[in-house]
Amino acid sequence: MKTQHLMAALLAYIAAGLSPAAARTNASETLIIFDHSRLIATTSSKGIRGYFNTQHQILHLSCSFLFKETSRQADSAIVINSFPIEGGTKEDDIPGRVWEKNGEWIIQTDEPQAGCGSAAGTFDKGPDDDHPTRYTIVKKMPAIGIRVVLRATRLNDKSGSAFKERKGFLVAGDVVAALDDDEVFTRIRYVHPATGKTTTAWVSTGNLGNPFTPSATKKSQ
């Protein structure tokens, strides 16, 4: 994704009034971690919420999108709506389905999101097709939910009740899993889209927003 497009989208987040994640939020969701670390998802009473983001380390290829459950079908398929993290119009929404069986997920979208029909990622096959991509669940843990970073924010370690800045930071547009919080700080889990490296740290809660709220994009819900 071009830098100027990302920055324009981030300005749209702020202009749209994306509310910071509330402090002291209870971990009311369950984070699902897969063998493919670039995919994260949560489950709760609101259904499935998820995010996929990967970048090819050599080629200029990337694939990223958010998705959320809209309904469930009798054939056990979970109907989802996928949309780009940078927002857009309702026409950018692409429906799809998730199948979960024996601890594995298959994700299929009716059309590929931008960049997702290449080596960076494909989601065009369902369980009845040959060799669909399967994502194996490796761990589940309590979580607050999926959050988007609104502005550059430093990483912190926690010792007792004190927080201390450490090396590293996140930039606007990064998507993280919020695990728990402590007043003005939230403990997050971030996966680098190119290397797959996982980082866990504390960041300012005010620098996080919920990408699944109506104001998170330019859509009309």
Foldseek 3Di string as FASTA:
>chain_A
DDPVLQVVLLVLLVVLPFFFDAFQFDLQWKWWAWPQRQKIWIQHPQGIKIKGWAAAPPDGFIAIWIKGFDAADPVRKTKIWIAHQSFDEPVRIWIWTWHDDPQKIQTATPDGHVRQVDPNHHRHDDPVDPPGDIIGTDDMAGFNAKKFFSAKWFFWADDPNDIDTDPDIDGGGFMWTFRGHDGQKTWTWGADNYPRDIDTTIIGSRRIGDCPDPSNHPYDD
